[in-house]
C-alpha cells in the first residue's frame, strides 16, 4: 500500500490491492450497479467532509448471492480541515425478487 498522504496518484495502487484481496463473485452487471450505488451512498454519508473522493471500491457477495457488500477506501477532510486518506467503509445491500438492490446499512 502507498504511504498515507500519497494523494490521488496512489488511488490505482489502492484499487489494485482491494481487487487482489478477493475474487469477483457477482455478475458483472450487478457489480457495476452496486459499485455505483455504494459510491453514491457513501458520498451522501460523508457530506459533512470536504475534499471527499473514493480512492477504491469493490462489490462482493456478503455470505449469500442475494446479499452484497461494497467495500470502499476513501479520503476526505473533516470539519477541522484534517485531510486523511485510506479510510475504510462498507455499504451493505440485499437483492429483491425483481433483481434490484436495496441498501441495508
N, C-alpha and C. Protein backbone atom coordinates (compact mmCIF):
# COMPACT_ATOMS: atom_id res chain seq x y z
N UNK A 1 0.84 -1.18 0.00
CA UNK A 1 0.00 0.00 0.00
C UNK A 1 0.88 1.25 0.00
N UNK A 2 0.43 2.27 -0.69
CA UNK A 2 1.19 3.53 -0.68
C UNK A 2 1.14 4.18 0.70
N UNK A 3 2.12 4.99 1.00
CA UNK A 3 2.11 5.67 2.30
C UNK A 3 0.97 6.68 2.39
N UNK A 4 0.46 6.90 3.61
CA UNK A 4 -0.60 7.91 3.78
C UNK A 4 -0.16 9.26 3.22
N UNK A 5 -1.12 9.97 2.65
CA UNK A 5 -0.84 11.28 2.10
C UNK A 5 -0.29 11.25 0.69
N UNK A 6 -0.32 10.09 0.05
CA UNK A 6 0.22 9.98 -1.30
C UNK A 6 -0.63 10.67 -2.35
N UNK A 7 -1.89 10.94 -2.02
CA UNK A 7 -2.76 11.67 -2.93
C UNK A 7 -3.38 10.79 -4.00
N UNK A 8 -4.11 11.42 -4.93
CA UNK A 8 -4.84 10.69 -5.97
C UNK A 8 -3.95 9.80 -6.85
N UNK A 9 -2.69 10.12 -6.97
CA UNK A 9 -1.81 9.28 -7.80
C UNK A 9 -1.71 7.86 -7.25
N UNK A 10 -1.95 7.68 -5.96
CA UNK A 10 -1.87 6.36 -5.34
C UNK A 10 -3.16 5.56 -5.46
N UNK A 11 -4.26 6.20 -5.86
CA UNK A 11 -5.55 5.52 -5.90
C UNK A 11 -5.53 4.24 -6.74
N UNK A 12 -4.89 4.20 -7.92
CA UNK A 12 -4.85 2.95 -8.66
C UNK A 12 -4.16 1.81 -7.91
N UNK A 13 -3.16 2.12 -7.11
CA UNK A 13 -2.49 1.09 -6.32
C UNK A 13 -3.42 0.57 -5.23
N UNK A 14 -4.21 1.45 -4.64
CA UNK A 14 -5.17 1.04 -3.62
C UNK A 14 -6.25 0.17 -4.26
N UNK A 15 -6.71 0.56 -5.45
CA UNK A 15 -7.71 -0.25 -6.15
C UNK A 15 -7.15 -1.63 -6.47
N UNK A 16 -5.93 -1.69 -6.91
CA UNK A 16 -5.29 -2.97 -7.23
C UNK A 16 -5.23 -3.86 -5.98
N UNK A 17 -4.84 -3.30 -4.85
CA UNK A 17 -4.77 -4.07 -3.61
C UNK A 17 -6.15 -4.57 -3.19
N UNK A 18 -7.17 -3.73 -3.33
CA UNK A 18 -8.53 -4.13 -2.98
C UNK A 18 -9.02 -5.23 -3.91
N UNK A 19 -8.73 -5.11 -5.20
CA UNK A 19 -9.12 -6.15 -6.16
C UNK A 19 -8.45 -7.48 -5.85
N UNK A 20 -7.20 -7.45 -5.43
CA UNK A 20 -6.46 -8.68 -5.15
C UNK A 20 -6.89 -9.33 -3.83
N UNK A 21 -7.56 -8.58 -2.97
CA UNK A 21 -7.96 -9.10 -1.66
C UNK A 21 -9.09 -10.12 -1.76
N UNK A 22 -9.89 -10.07 -2.83
CA UNK A 22 -10.98 -11.02 -3.01
C UNK A 22 -11.33 -11.12 -4.49
N UNK A 23 -11.78 -12.30 -4.88
CA UNK A 23 -12.14 -12.54 -6.28
C UNK A 23 -13.57 -12.08 -6.55
N UNK A 24 -13.82 -11.55 -7.74
CA UNK A 24 -15.19 -11.18 -8.10
C UNK A 24 -16.12 -12.39 -8.00
N UNK A 25 -17.30 -12.19 -7.45
CA UNK A 25 -18.26 -13.29 -7.30
C UNK A 25 -19.69 -12.87 -7.61
N UNK A 26 -19.85 -11.72 -8.22
CA UNK A 26 -21.16 -11.22 -8.63
C UNK A 26 -21.21 -11.12 -10.14
N UNK A 27 -22.39 -11.25 -10.73
CA UNK A 27 -22.49 -10.96 -12.17
C UNK A 27 -21.97 -9.55 -12.44
N UNK A 28 -21.31 -9.38 -13.58
CA UNK A 28 -20.67 -8.09 -13.90
C UNK A 28 -21.66 -6.93 -13.84
N UNK A 29 -22.87 -7.12 -14.32
CA UNK A 29 -23.86 -6.03 -14.31
C UNK A 29 -24.22 -5.65 -12.87
N UNK A 30 -24.39 -6.64 -11.99
CA UNK A 30 -24.69 -6.35 -10.59
C UNK A 30 -23.51 -5.66 -9.92
N UNK A 31 -22.30 -6.11 -10.23
CA UNK A 31 -21.12 -5.48 -9.64
C UNK A 31 -21.04 -4.00 -10.02
N UNK A 32 -21.24 -3.70 -11.29
CA UNK A 32 -21.21 -2.29 -11.74
C UNK A 32 -22.29 -1.47 -11.05
N UNK A 33 -23.50 -2.03 -11.00
CA UNK A 33 -24.62 -1.32 -10.36
C UNK A 33 -24.32 -1.08 -8.88
N UNK A 34 -23.86 -2.10 -8.17
CA UNK A 34 -23.58 -1.97 -6.75
C UNK A 34 -22.44 -0.99 -6.48
N UNK A 35 -21.43 -0.98 -7.34
CA UNK A 35 -20.36 0.00 -7.16
C UNK A 35 -20.91 1.42 -7.26
N UNK A 36 -21.78 1.65 -8.22
CA UNK A 36 -22.39 2.98 -8.35
C UNK A 36 -23.26 3.32 -7.16
N UNK A 37 -24.08 2.36 -6.72
CA UNK A 37 -24.94 2.59 -5.56
C UNK A 37 -24.11 2.83 -4.30
N UNK A 38 -23.06 2.04 -4.12
CA UNK A 38 -22.22 2.19 -2.95
C UNK A 38 -21.49 3.52 -2.92
N UNK A 39 -20.96 3.92 -4.06
CA UNK A 39 -20.27 5.22 -4.13
C UNK A 39 -21.23 6.36 -3.81
N UNK A 40 -22.41 6.32 -4.41
CA UNK A 40 -23.40 7.37 -4.18
C UNK A 40 -23.81 7.42 -2.71
N UNK A 41 -24.06 6.25 -2.13
CA UNK A 41 -24.46 6.19 -0.72
C UNK A 41 -23.35 6.73 0.18
N UNK A 42 -22.10 6.36 -0.12
CA UNK A 42 -21.01 6.80 0.75
C UNK A 42 -20.76 8.30 0.61
N UNK A 43 -20.87 8.83 -0.57
CA UNK A 43 -20.70 10.27 -0.73
C UNK A 43 -21.77 11.03 0.04
N UNK A 44 -22.98 10.48 0.10
CA UNK A 44 -24.03 11.11 0.91
C UNK A 44 -23.69 11.02 2.40
N UNK A 45 -23.12 9.90 2.82
CA UNK A 45 -22.73 9.71 4.23
C UNK A 45 -21.65 10.70 4.65
N UNK A 46 -20.82 11.09 3.73
CA UNK A 46 -19.66 11.93 4.05
C UNK A 46 -19.89 13.39 3.67
N UNK A 47 -21.14 13.81 3.62
CA UNK A 47 -21.44 15.17 3.19
C UNK A 47 -20.90 16.24 4.13
N UNK A 48 -20.58 15.87 5.36
CA UNK A 48 -20.02 16.86 6.29
C UNK A 48 -18.50 17.01 6.13
N UNK A 49 -17.92 16.21 5.25
CA UNK A 49 -16.49 16.31 4.97
C UNK A 49 -16.28 17.14 3.71
N UNK A 50 -15.06 17.60 3.49
CA UNK A 50 -14.74 18.29 2.25
C UNK A 50 -13.63 17.50 1.55
N UNK A 51 -13.41 17.80 0.31
CA UNK A 51 -12.37 17.16 -0.49
C UNK A 51 -12.53 15.63 -0.50
N UNK A 52 -13.77 15.16 -0.50
CA UNK A 52 -14.02 13.72 -0.46
C UNK A 52 -13.80 13.10 -1.83
N UNK A 53 -13.12 11.97 -1.83
CA UNK A 53 -13.00 11.18 -3.04
C UNK A 53 -12.96 9.71 -2.64
N UNK A 54 -13.50 8.88 -3.50
CA UNK A 54 -13.42 7.44 -3.32
C UNK A 54 -12.11 7.01 -3.96
N UNK A 55 -11.24 6.42 -3.17
CA UNK A 55 -9.94 6.00 -3.68
C UNK A 55 -10.02 4.65 -4.39
N UNK A 56 -10.89 3.77 -3.89
CA UNK A 56 -11.03 2.44 -4.47
C UNK A 56 -12.32 1.83 -3.96
N UNK A 57 -12.86 0.85 -4.70
CA UNK A 57 -14.09 0.19 -4.27
C UNK A 57 -14.20 -1.18 -4.94
N UNK A 58 -14.80 -2.12 -4.20
CA UNK A 58 -15.16 -3.42 -4.75
C UNK A 58 -16.56 -3.78 -4.28
N UNK A 59 -17.24 -4.61 -5.05
CA UNK A 59 -18.55 -5.14 -4.67
C UNK A 59 -18.43 -6.66 -4.72
N UNK A 60 -18.81 -7.30 -3.61
CA UNK A 60 -18.72 -8.75 -3.49
C UNK A 60 -19.94 -9.28 -2.76
N UNK A 61 -20.20 -10.59 -2.94
CA UNK A 61 -21.26 -11.23 -2.17
C UNK A 61 -20.95 -11.11 -0.69
N UNK A 62 -22.00 -11.08 0.10
CA UNK A 62 -21.85 -10.96 1.55
C UNK A 62 -22.52 -12.15 2.23
N UNK A 63 -21.97 -13.34 2.00
CA UNK A 63 -22.48 -14.54 2.64
C UNK A 63 -23.55 -15.28 1.86
N UNK A 64 -24.15 -14.65 0.88
CA UNK A 64 -25.20 -15.27 0.07
C UNK A 64 -25.31 -14.49 -1.24
N UNK A 65 -25.76 -15.15 -2.31
CA UNK A 65 -25.88 -14.44 -3.60
C UNK A 65 -26.82 -13.24 -3.56
N UNK A 66 -27.78 -13.23 -2.64
CA UNK A 66 -28.74 -12.11 -2.58
C UNK A 66 -28.30 -11.01 -1.62
N UNK A 67 -27.08 -11.12 -1.08
CA UNK A 67 -26.54 -10.07 -0.21
C UNK A 67 -25.18 -9.66 -0.76
N UNK A 68 -24.91 -8.37 -0.68
CA UNK A 68 -23.63 -7.86 -1.20
C UNK A 68 -23.10 -6.77 -0.28
N UNK A 69 -21.79 -6.59 -0.35
CA UNK A 69 -21.14 -5.51 0.39
C UNK A 69 -20.23 -4.77 -0.58
N UNK A 70 -20.33 -3.45 -0.55
CA UNK A 70 -19.42 -2.60 -1.30
C UNK A 70 -18.40 -2.08 -0.30
N UNK A 71 -17.16 -2.47 -0.50
CA UNK A 71 -16.07 -2.01 0.37
C UNK A 71 -15.38 -0.85 -0.34
N UNK A 72 -15.20 0.23 0.40
CA UNK A 72 -14.61 1.44 -0.17
C UNK A 72 -13.41 1.88 0.66
N UNK A 73 -12.50 2.52 -0.01
CA UNK A 73 -11.42 3.25 0.65
C UNK A 73 -11.59 4.68 0.17
N UNK A 74 -11.63 5.62 1.12
CA UNK A 74 -11.93 6.99 0.73
C UNK A 74 -11.02 7.96 1.45
N UNK A 75 -11.00 9.18 0.96
CA UNK A 75 -10.21 10.26 1.54
C UNK A 75 -11.13 11.46 1.71
N UNK A 76 -10.84 12.27 2.73
CA UNK A 76 -11.61 13.48 2.94
C UNK A 76 -11.08 14.27 4.11
N UNK A 77 -11.45 15.54 4.14
CA UNK A 77 -11.04 16.44 5.22
C UNK A 77 -12.22 16.63 6.17
N UNK A 78 -11.96 16.48 7.46
CA UNK A 78 -13.02 16.68 8.45
C UNK A 78 -13.26 18.17 8.66
N UNK A 79 -14.15 18.50 9.58
CA UNK A 79 -14.52 19.91 9.81
C UNK A 79 -13.34 20.76 10.25
N UNK A 80 -12.36 20.14 10.90
CA UNK A 80 -11.17 20.87 11.33
C UNK A 80 -10.17 21.06 10.19
N UNK A 81 -10.46 20.45 9.03
CA UNK A 81 -9.59 20.58 7.88
C UNK A 81 -8.51 19.52 7.77
N UNK A 82 -8.56 18.52 8.66
CA UNK A 82 -7.57 17.44 8.63
C UNK A 82 -7.92 16.48 7.51
N UNK A 83 -7.06 16.40 6.52
CA UNK A 83 -7.27 15.51 5.38
C UNK A 83 -6.63 14.17 5.67
N UNK A 84 -7.44 13.13 5.62
CA UNK A 84 -6.94 11.77 5.81
C UNK A 84 -7.35 10.93 4.62
N UNK A 85 -6.46 10.06 4.20
CA UNK A 85 -6.81 9.12 3.15
C UNK A 85 -6.72 7.71 3.72
N UNK A 86 -7.10 6.74 2.90
CA UNK A 86 -7.06 5.35 3.34
C UNK A 86 -8.12 4.99 4.36
N UNK A 87 -9.22 5.74 4.38
CA UNK A 87 -10.30 5.45 5.33
C UNK A 87 -11.17 4.32 4.77
N UNK A 88 -11.39 3.25 5.54
CA UNK A 88 -12.24 2.16 5.04
C UNK A 88 -13.71 2.41 5.33
N UNK A 89 -14.57 1.83 4.52
CA UNK A 89 -16.01 1.89 4.72
C UNK A 89 -16.65 0.69 4.04
N UNK A 90 -17.84 0.35 4.48
CA UNK A 90 -18.60 -0.74 3.87
C UNK A 90 -20.06 -0.34 3.81
N UNK A 91 -20.69 -0.65 2.68
CA UNK A 91 -22.12 -0.39 2.49
C UNK A 91 -22.73 -1.73 2.07
N UNK A 92 -23.78 -2.16 2.79
CA UNK A 92 -24.38 -3.47 2.57
C UNK A 92 -25.70 -3.34 1.82
N UNK A 93 -25.97 -4.35 0.99
CA UNK A 93 -27.18 -4.38 0.16
C UNK A 93 -27.80 -5.77 0.17
N UNK A 94 -29.12 -5.82 -0.05
CA UNK A 94 -29.82 -7.09 -0.30
C UNK A 94 -30.53 -6.95 -1.63
N UNK A 95 -30.67 -8.10 -2.31
CA UNK A 95 -31.32 -8.11 -3.61
C UNK A 95 -32.78 -8.49 -3.45
N UNK A 96 -33.63 -7.74 -4.12
CA UNK A 96 -35.07 -8.01 -4.11
C UNK A 96 -35.39 -9.08 -5.14
N UNK A 97 -36.60 -9.59 -5.07
CA UNK A 97 -37.04 -10.61 -6.02
C UNK A 97 -37.04 -10.13 -7.45
N UNK A 98 -37.14 -8.82 -7.67
CA UNK A 98 -37.13 -8.29 -9.03
C UNK A 98 -35.72 -8.03 -9.55
N UNK A 99 -34.70 -8.35 -8.74
CA UNK A 99 -33.31 -8.16 -9.17
C UNK A 99 -32.70 -6.83 -8.75
N UNK A 100 -33.50 -5.92 -8.22
CA UNK A 100 -32.96 -4.65 -7.76
C UNK A 100 -32.29 -4.83 -6.40
N UNK A 101 -31.49 -3.85 -6.01
CA UNK A 101 -30.74 -3.92 -4.76
C UNK A 101 -31.16 -2.78 -3.83
N UNK A 102 -31.31 -3.09 -2.54
CA UNK A 102 -31.64 -2.09 -1.52
C UNK A 102 -30.52 -2.03 -0.49
N UNK A 103 -30.18 -0.83 -0.08
CA UNK A 103 -29.18 -0.68 0.97
C UNK A 103 -29.75 -1.13 2.30
N UNK A 104 -28.93 -1.87 3.07
CA UNK A 104 -29.37 -2.31 4.38
C UNK A 104 -28.63 -1.58 5.49
N UNK A 105 -27.37 -1.19 5.28
CA UNK A 105 -26.61 -0.41 6.27
C UNK A 105 -25.66 0.50 5.56
